[in-house]
Amino acid sequence: VAELHKFKEIRTIRILGYTDYLGREVYNLTLSQKRAETIKQYFLNNQINAQVLIAQGLGEQDPVKHCADGLSKNLLVKCLEPNRRVVIDVDGII
């Protein structure tokens, strides 16, 4: 939030939620949307203009980490951790 307040102008803030590929696709899309909405609400609670905020859940799209086949479930869950994330993309003028 402190970094966002440094902008002279903000056109849009895209908040993109992601999951790993474990679980059902519909569940993952819902979970990723909830992740994005949680950050959006945090921004709203910290006086970021609602009109520039876009929250979108993308589910298991665009993984940042791929894991080896044959891992135990615990190791696979740990390995896929970086894919469970929120990305914030700001279009603005500093």
Protein backbone atom coordinates (compact mmCIF):
# COMPACT_ATOMS: atom_id res chain seq x y z
CA VAL A 1 0.00 0.00 0.00
CA ALA A 2 2.85 2.38 0.81
CA GLU A 3 4.30 1.78 -2.65
CA LEU A 4 0.93 2.48 -4.30
CA HIS A 5 0.67 5.84 -2.53
CA LYS A 6 3.94 6.87 -4.23
CA PHE A 7 2.21 6.96 -7.63
CA LYS A 8 1.12 10.38 -8.94
CA GLU A 9 -1.62 8.68 -10.92
CA ILE A 10 -2.93 5.11 -11.03
CA ARG A 11 -4.95 4.05 -14.05
CA THR A 12 -5.55 0.43 -13.02
CA ILE A 13 -4.42 -2.11 -10.47
CA ARG A 14 -4.95 -5.67 -11.67
CA ILE A 15 -4.95 -8.19 -8.84
CA LEU A 16 -4.47 -11.69 -10.24
CA GLY A 17 -5.03 -14.73 -8.04
CA TYR A 18 -3.56 -18.16 -8.86
CA THR A 19 -3.57 -21.72 -7.53
CA ASP A 20 -1.59 -24.86 -8.21
CA TYR A 21 -3.09 -27.65 -10.34
CA LEU A 22 -4.12 -29.85 -7.41
CA GLY A 23 -7.87 -30.08 -6.91
CA ARG A 24 -10.77 -29.53 -9.26
CA GLU A 25 -10.60 -26.75 -11.82
CA VAL A 26 -13.84 -25.10 -10.64
CA TYR A 27 -12.62 -25.12 -7.03
CA ASN A 28 -9.26 -23.64 -8.09
CA LEU A 29 -10.93 -20.85 -10.06
CA THR A 30 -13.09 -19.97 -7.06
CA LEU A 31 -10.10 -20.12 -4.69
CA SER A 32 -7.97 -17.93 -6.95
CA GLN A 33 -10.79 -15.37 -7.19
CA LYS A 34 -11.08 -15.33 -3.39
CA ARG A 35 -7.33 -14.70 -3.13
CA ALA A 36 -7.59 -11.74 -5.50
CA GLU A 37 -10.70 -10.39 -3.72
CA THR A 38 -8.93 -10.58 -0.35
CA ILE A 39 -6.15 -8.31 -1.63
CA LYS A 40 -8.68 -6.00 -3.26
CA GLN A 41 -10.49 -5.66 0.06
CA TYR A 42 -7.18 -4.94 1.80
CA PHE A 43 -6.50 -2.15 -0.69
CA LEU A 44 -10.02 -0.74 -0.20
CA ASN A 45 -9.50 -0.77 3.57
CA ASN A 46 -6.32 1.25 2.99
CA GLN A 47 -7.88 4.04 0.90
CA ILE A 48 -6.99 2.76 -2.57
CA ASN A 49 -9.56 4.00 -5.10
CA ALA A 50 -12.09 1.24 -5.84
CA GLN A 51 -12.53 2.43 -9.43
CA VAL A 52 -8.97 1.39 -10.39
CA LEU A 53 -9.11 -2.08 -8.81
CA ILE A 54 -9.69 -5.21 -10.89
CA ALA A 55 -9.60 -8.57 -9.11
CA GLN A 56 -9.41 -11.69 -11.27
CA GLY A 57 -8.97 -15.35 -10.41
CA LEU A 58 -6.99 -17.30 -13.00
CA GLY A 59 -6.88 -20.68 -11.28
CA GLU A 60 -3.98 -22.86 -12.31
CA GLN A 61 -2.93 -20.76 -15.32
CA ASP A 62 0.65 -19.57 -15.74
CA PRO A 63 2.46 -21.76 -13.21
CA VAL A 64 5.83 -20.42 -12.08
CA LYS A 65 7.05 -23.78 -10.76
CA HIS A 66 6.93 -27.26 -12.30
CA CYS A 67 7.66 -30.29 -10.13
CA ALA A 68 9.16 -33.68 -10.88
CA ASP A 69 6.88 -36.68 -11.33
CA GLY A 70 6.73 -39.24 -8.55
CA LEU A 71 6.94 -36.90 -5.55
CA SER A 72 5.01 -37.83 -2.43
CA LYS A 73 1.88 -35.75 -1.87
CA ASN A 74 3.56 -33.71 0.90
CA LEU A 75 6.60 -32.94 -1.25
CA LEU A 76 4.41 -32.12 -4.25
CA VAL A 77 2.29 -29.70 -2.21
CA LYS A 78 5.47 -28.01 -0.94
CA CYS A 79 7.03 -27.93 -4.42
CA LEU A 80 3.93 -26.29 -5.95
CA GLU A 81 3.75 -23.60 -3.27
CA PRO A 82 5.05 -20.78 -5.54
CA ASN A 83 2.08 -21.34 -7.88
CA ARG A 84 -0.35 -20.39 -5.10
CA ARG A 85 0.07 -16.65 -5.33
CA VAL A 86 -1.35 -13.20 -6.06
CA VAL A 87 0.26 -10.90 -8.63
CA ILE A 88 -0.36 -7.16 -8.53
CA ASP A 89 0.05 -5.28 -11.82
CA VAL A 90 -0.07 -1.48 -11.57
CA ASP A 91 -0.58 0.79 -14.55
CA GLY A 92 0.30 4.23 -13.31
CA ILE A 93 2.65 7.20 -13.32
CA ILE A 94 5.30 7.53 -10.61
